[in-house]
Amino acid sequence: MKLGFSTLAAIDRPLRDLAAMLAQAGYDGVELRGKDRQHVDPAMSADERREVVRILADTGLQAAAVTSYTQLAQDSADPAAAGATLRAYIDLAHDLGAPMVRVFGGSIPEGEDRAAVERRMADLLLSVADDAGGAGVCLCLETHDSFTRASAVARVLALADHPAVAALWDVLNQFETGEPPLEALDALWPRIGYLHVKDGFTLPDGRHPLCLMGAGELPVAEIVAALKRRGYDGYLVVEWEKAWHPELADADVAAPQHILKLRQYLAP
């Protein structure tokens, strides 16, 4: 398995500086936040895209994924516009050498039939899937929002049966639903594009704050072991949500700590 780290942990930090730190820590790749030019965006010029490629080449990192912020349940109501947005992210990922694009399912619009929305989402994904596959890119639907349960993502994947459509398994999001992790793995396997790995714990009010790897309640070691048994060889990307939770430790603390624990979990 390969280890990556998301730029969400340091959205205001120059990419070259962040990439150098991650390379020194031993990461294989970086997940690039594709919004508001933090650190990439479909509006980037060709020169700006080439500069990102140079930075990654200089530091020896791969572009593990580009994160879009599409909301398929809502966006699919306008398939032409949504398809154009997805194609823009596919082009960006291709230009940066990223094999994955994260997409959100978003929230089922109030009053709409869930099965009909899922069918519409699948049709949208299929409408761009050949373009994605031709660009060497896979669209990965995250366990998030109305699709936080792995079983919900699996239903959409069954409808969007294409090799360029897969799942992004965020283990904390899915854990919050109470769905057992190994059941989630069964639901998504073998169509897992990559994972977001993180740790957290449960507060009395039901919230699940992030914490450093190994300090919380998530059975990350068990999940990694199960992935090893199945031969998974993709990315485990640490999503340290410093952008949303400023009280968290800085990336310089979180990145080395997470990779140390993940290497322990990956050891024979």
Protein backbone atom coordinates (compact mmCIF):
# COMPACT_ATOMS: atom_id res chain seq x y z
CA MET A 1 0.00 0.00 0.00
CA LYS A 2 1.04 3.60 -0.61
CA LEU A 3 0.74 6.40 1.92
CA GLY A 4 -0.50 9.89 1.15
CA PHE A 5 -1.39 13.08 3.00
CA SER A 6 -4.05 15.63 2.12
CA THR A 7 -3.29 19.32 1.64
CA LEU A 8 -6.45 20.03 3.65
CA ALA A 9 -4.10 19.98 6.64
CA ALA A 10 -2.27 23.12 5.46
CA ILE A 11 -4.35 25.02 2.92
CA ASP A 12 -2.37 28.27 3.29
CA ARG A 13 1.08 26.68 3.12
CA PRO A 14 3.04 26.90 -0.14
CA LEU A 15 2.82 23.58 -1.95
CA ARG A 16 6.58 23.29 -2.43
CA ASP A 17 7.18 23.67 1.31
CA LEU A 18 4.43 21.23 2.24
CA ALA A 19 5.53 18.68 -0.36
CA ALA A 20 9.12 18.84 0.88
CA MET A 21 7.98 18.14 4.44
CA LEU A 22 5.82 15.21 3.35
CA ALA A 23 8.60 13.72 1.25
CA GLN A 24 11.01 13.99 4.17
CA ALA A 25 8.45 12.27 6.41
CA GLY A 26 8.36 9.39 3.92
CA TYR A 27 5.01 9.78 2.16
CA ASP A 28 4.54 8.45 -1.35
CA GLY A 29 1.96 10.98 -2.49
CA VAL A 30 -0.23 13.95 -1.75
CA GLU A 31 -3.96 14.47 -2.19
CA LEU A 32 -4.46 17.94 -3.68
CA ARG A 33 -7.45 20.02 -2.58
CA GLY A 34 -9.05 21.15 -5.82
CA LYS A 35 -10.90 24.26 -4.73
CA ASP A 36 -10.20 27.97 -4.24
CA ARG A 37 -6.63 27.39 -5.47
CA GLN A 38 -5.83 25.50 -2.28
CA HIS A 39 -3.62 24.07 -3.77
CA VAL A 40 -5.02 23.34 -7.22
CA ASP A 41 -8.14 24.33 -9.13
CA PRO A 42 -9.66 23.57 -12.55
CA ALA A 43 -9.21 27.27 -13.36
CA MET A 44 -5.41 26.90 -13.24
CA SER A 45 -3.52 27.79 -16.38
CA ALA A 46 -1.33 25.30 -18.23
CA ASP A 47 1.77 26.98 -16.77
CA GLU A 48 0.39 26.70 -13.24
CA ARG A 49 -0.36 23.03 -13.76
CA ARG A 50 3.16 22.41 -15.05
CA GLU A 51 4.55 24.12 -11.95
CA VAL A 52 2.64 21.74 -9.69
CA VAL A 53 4.02 18.82 -11.69
CA ARG A 54 7.55 20.25 -11.28
CA ILE A 55 7.11 20.63 -7.53
CA LEU A 56 6.00 17.03 -7.15
CA ALA A 57 8.80 15.76 -9.38
CA ASP A 58 11.39 17.75 -7.44
CA THR A 59 10.20 16.31 -4.12
CA GLY A 60 9.63 12.78 -5.40
CA LEU A 61 5.93 12.75 -4.53
CA GLN A 62 3.06 11.49 -6.64
CA ALA A 63 -0.26 13.26 -7.04
CA ALA A 64 -2.40 10.66 -5.26
CA ALA A 65 -5.74 12.36 -6.01
CA VAL A 66 -7.48 15.63 -6.74
CA THR A 67 -10.43 16.51 -4.52
CA SER A 68 -13.45 17.98 -6.23
CA TYR A 69 -16.36 19.40 -4.30
CA THR A 70 -19.14 18.23 -6.57
CA GLN A 71 -22.41 17.23 -4.88
CA LEU A 72 -23.81 14.61 -7.20
CA ALA A 73 -27.26 14.23 -5.64
CA GLN A 74 -27.97 17.91 -6.24
CA ASP A 75 -25.72 18.53 -9.25
CA SER A 76 -27.20 15.68 -11.28
CA ALA A 77 -30.44 17.67 -11.60
CA ASP A 78 -28.51 19.65 -14.25
CA PRO A 79 -26.51 16.89 -15.92
CA ALA A 80 -24.97 19.07 -18.64
CA ALA A 81 -23.45 21.51 -16.16
CA ALA A 82 -22.47 18.76 -13.74
CA GLY A 83 -20.84 16.76 -16.51
CA ALA A 84 -18.83 19.78 -17.59
CA THR A 85 -17.60 20.28 -14.02
CA LEU A 86 -16.60 16.64 -13.69
CA ARG A 87 -14.75 16.78 -17.01
CA ALA A 88 -12.85 19.85 -15.82
CA TYR A 89 -11.65 17.91 -12.78
CA ILE A 90 -10.79 14.90 -14.93
CA ASP A 91 -8.66 17.14 -17.14
CA LEU A 92 -6.98 18.70 -14.09
CA ALA A 93 -6.18 15.31 -12.59
CA HIS A 94 -4.82 14.07 -15.90
CA ASP A 95 -2.57 17.12 -16.27
CA LEU A 96 -1.24 16.67 -12.72
CA GLY A 97 -0.74 12.93 -13.06
CA ALA A 98 -3.35 12.11 -10.41
CA PRO A 99 -5.16 8.79 -10.93
CA MET A 100 -8.15 9.63 -8.71
CA VAL A 101 -10.75 12.40 -8.41
CA ARG A 102 -12.81 12.55 -5.24
CA VAL A 103 -16.51 13.31 -5.64
CA PHE A 104 -19.18 13.84 -2.99
CA GLY A 105 -22.64 12.38 -3.23
CA GLY A 106 -24.03 15.32 -1.27
CA SER A 107 -27.46 15.30 0.32
CA ILE A 108 -30.64 13.81 -1.13
CA PRO A 109 -32.85 16.83 -1.94
CA GLU A 110 -35.84 17.10 0.36
CA GLY A 111 -38.90 15.38 -0.99
CA GLU A 112 -37.05 13.43 -3.70
CA ASP A 113 -37.11 9.67 -3.96
CA ARG A 114 -33.75 8.25 -2.94
CA ALA A 115 -33.72 5.46 -5.51
CA ALA A 116 -34.46 7.93 -8.30
CA VAL A 117 -31.67 10.27 -7.14
CA GLU A 118 -29.20 7.39 -6.97
CA ARG A 119 -30.13 6.37 -10.52
CA ARG A 120 -29.63 9.96 -11.67
CA MET A 121 -26.23 10.11 -9.95
CA ALA A 122 -25.17 6.88 -11.59
CA ASP A 123 -26.26 8.18 -15.00
CA LEU A 124 -24.17 11.31 -14.46
CA LEU A 125 -21.11 9.29 -13.50
CA LEU A 126 -21.56 6.99 -16.49
CA SER A 127 -21.88 9.99 -18.82
CA VAL A 128 -18.27 10.98 -18.08
CA ALA A 129 -16.80 7.60 -17.18
CA ASP A 130 -15.39 6.88 -20.63
CA ASP A 131 -13.69 10.30 -20.61
CA ALA A 132 -12.24 9.55 -17.20
CA GLY A 133 -11.01 6.13 -18.21
CA GLY A 134 -9.45 7.51 -21.37
CA ALA A 135 -7.57 10.06 -19.25
CA GLY A 136 -6.36 7.41 -16.83
CA VAL A 137 -8.53 8.80 -14.05
CA CYS A 138 -11.01 7.12 -11.69
CA LEU A 139 -13.96 8.99 -10.12
CA CYS A 140 -14.24 8.01 -6.46
CA LEU A 141 -17.49 8.55 -4.56
CA GLU A 142 -16.77 9.23 -0.90
CA THR A 143 -18.59 7.79 2.11
CA HIS A 144 -19.99 11.19 3.13
CA ASP A 145 -23.25 13.14 3.59
CA SER A 146 -26.30 11.10 2.51
CA PHE A 147 -23.89 8.39 1.34
CA THR A 148 -21.83 8.01 4.52
CA ARG A 149 -22.74 4.35 4.90
CA ALA A 150 -20.66 2.16 2.64
CA SER A 151 -23.82 0.31 1.65
CA ALA A 152 -25.23 3.56 0.19
CA VAL A 153 -22.12 4.14 -1.92
CA ALA A 154 -22.21 0.49 -3.00
CA ARG A 155 -25.73 0.93 -4.37
CA VAL A 156 -24.61 3.80 -6.60
CA LEU A 157 -21.55 1.85 -7.73
CA ALA A 158 -23.77 -1.09 -8.69
CA LEU A 159 -25.75 1.25 -10.94
CA ALA A 160 -22.60 2.96 -12.29
CA ASP A 161 -20.83 -0.24 -13.29
CA HIS A 162 -17.69 1.09 -14.97
CA PRO A 163 -13.98 0.59 -14.22
CA ALA A 164 -13.49 4.37 -13.98
CA VAL A 165 -16.01 4.69 -11.12
CA ALA A 166 -15.06 3.55 -7.62
CA ALA A 167 -15.38 4.36 -3.93
CA LEU A 168 -13.41 6.57 -1.60
CA TRP A 169 -13.75 4.92 1.79
CA ASP A 170 -13.41 7.50 4.56
CA VAL A 171 -13.08 5.27 7.60
CA LEU A 172 -14.09 7.91 10.17
CA ASN A 173 -17.14 9.12 8.27
CA GLN A 174 -18.34 5.56 7.86
CA PHE A 175 -17.49 4.66 11.50
CA GLU A 176 -19.80 7.44 12.69
CA THR A 177 -22.80 5.63 11.20
CA GLY A 178 -22.25 2.55 13.37
CA GLU A 179 -21.73 0.39 10.29
CA PRO A 180 -19.07 -2.21 11.21
CA PRO A 181 -15.83 -1.51 9.29
CA LEU A 182 -15.43 -5.01 7.93
CA GLU A 183 -19.02 -4.97 6.69
CA ALA A 184 -18.19 -1.69 4.93
CA LEU A 185 -15.18 -3.35 3.34
CA ASP A 186 -17.36 -6.20 2.13
CA ALA A 187 -19.85 -3.72 0.67
CA LEU A 188 -17.24 -1.73 -1.25
CA TRP A 189 -14.80 -4.45 -2.26
CA PRO A 190 -13.30 -4.68 -4.84
CA ARG A 191 -14.26 -1.21 -6.04
CA ILE A 192 -12.20 0.84 -3.61
CA GLY A 193 -10.22 3.55 -5.39
CA TYR A 194 -8.50 4.77 -2.25
CA LEU A 195 -9.05 5.45 1.44
CA HIS A 196 -9.08 8.38 3.83
CA VAL A 197 -7.56 7.12 7.07
CA LYS A 198 -7.84 8.95 10.37
CA ASP A 199 -8.63 8.30 14.01
CA GLY A 200 -11.19 9.77 16.36
CA PHE A 201 -13.23 9.17 19.48
CA THR A 202 -16.85 9.50 20.54
CA LEU A 203 -18.09 12.34 22.75
CA PRO A 204 -21.26 12.05 24.84
CA ASP A 205 -23.07 14.34 22.37
CA GLY A 206 -22.28 11.92 19.54
CA ARG A 207 -19.58 13.99 17.85
CA HIS A 208 -16.38 12.27 16.71
CA PRO A 209 -13.40 14.62 16.99
CA LEU A 210 -10.18 13.76 15.21
CA CYS A 211 -7.12 12.73 17.17
CA LEU A 212 -3.64 11.50 16.36
CA MET A 213 -3.49 8.01 14.89
CA GLY A 214 -3.77 5.29 17.52
CA ALA A 215 -5.14 7.58 20.22
CA GLY A 216 -8.79 7.06 19.33
CA GLU A 217 -11.40 4.35 18.88
CA LEU A 218 -11.15 3.49 15.21
CA PRO A 219 -9.83 0.01 14.43
CA VAL A 220 -7.45 1.32 11.77
CA ALA A 221 -4.95 -1.48 12.37
CA GLU A 222 -7.73 -4.04 11.84
CA ILE A 223 -8.86 -2.28 8.66
CA VAL A 224 -5.32 -2.20 7.28
CA ALA A 225 -4.84 -5.89 8.09
CA ALA A 226 -8.08 -6.76 6.29
CA LEU A 227 -7.00 -4.74 3.25
CA LYS A 228 -3.65 -6.54 3.22
CA ARG A 229 -5.38 -9.91 3.25
CA ARG A 230 -7.39 -8.90 0.20
CA GLY A 231 -4.37 -7.63 -1.69
CA TYR A 232 -5.28 -3.93 -1.71
CA ASP A 233 -2.32 -1.96 -3.10
CA GLY A 234 -3.75 1.54 -3.44
CA TYR A 235 -3.42 4.67 -1.34
CA LEU A 236 -4.13 5.25 2.31
CA VAL A 237 -4.45 9.03 2.47
CA VAL A 238 -4.32 10.80 5.83
CA GLU A 239 -7.01 13.48 5.87
CA TRP A 240 -6.05 15.71 8.80
CA GLU A 241 -8.83 18.30 8.82
CA LYS A 242 -6.86 21.23 10.18
CA ALA A 243 -8.66 23.59 7.77
CA TRP A 244 -11.98 22.88 9.48
CA HIS A 245 -10.64 22.35 13.02
CA PRO A 246 -7.91 24.90 13.77
CA GLU A 247 -7.43 23.48 17.27
CA LEU A 248 -5.75 20.41 15.76
CA ALA A 249 -1.99 20.07 15.71
CA ASP A 250 -0.15 21.43 12.69
CA ALA A 251 0.71 19.25 9.70
CA ASP A 252 4.36 19.15 10.83
CA VAL A 253 3.21 17.22 13.91
CA ALA A 254 0.40 15.17 12.38
CA ALA A 255 2.15 13.98 9.21
CA PRO A 256 5.16 12.27 10.88
CA GLN A 257 2.98 10.81 13.65
CA HIS A 258 0.46 9.30 11.26
CA ILE A 259 3.03 7.73 8.96
CA LEU A 260 4.83 6.17 11.90
CA LYS A 261 1.65 4.47 13.09
CA LEU A 262 0.58 3.43 9.60
CA ARG A 263 3.96 1.83 8.97
CA GLN A 264 3.50 -0.14 12.19
CA TYR A 265 0.10 -1.31 10.97
CA LEU A 266 1.54 -2.27 7.59
CA ALA A 267 4.50 -4.19 8.99
CA PRO A 268 4.45 -7.97 8.40
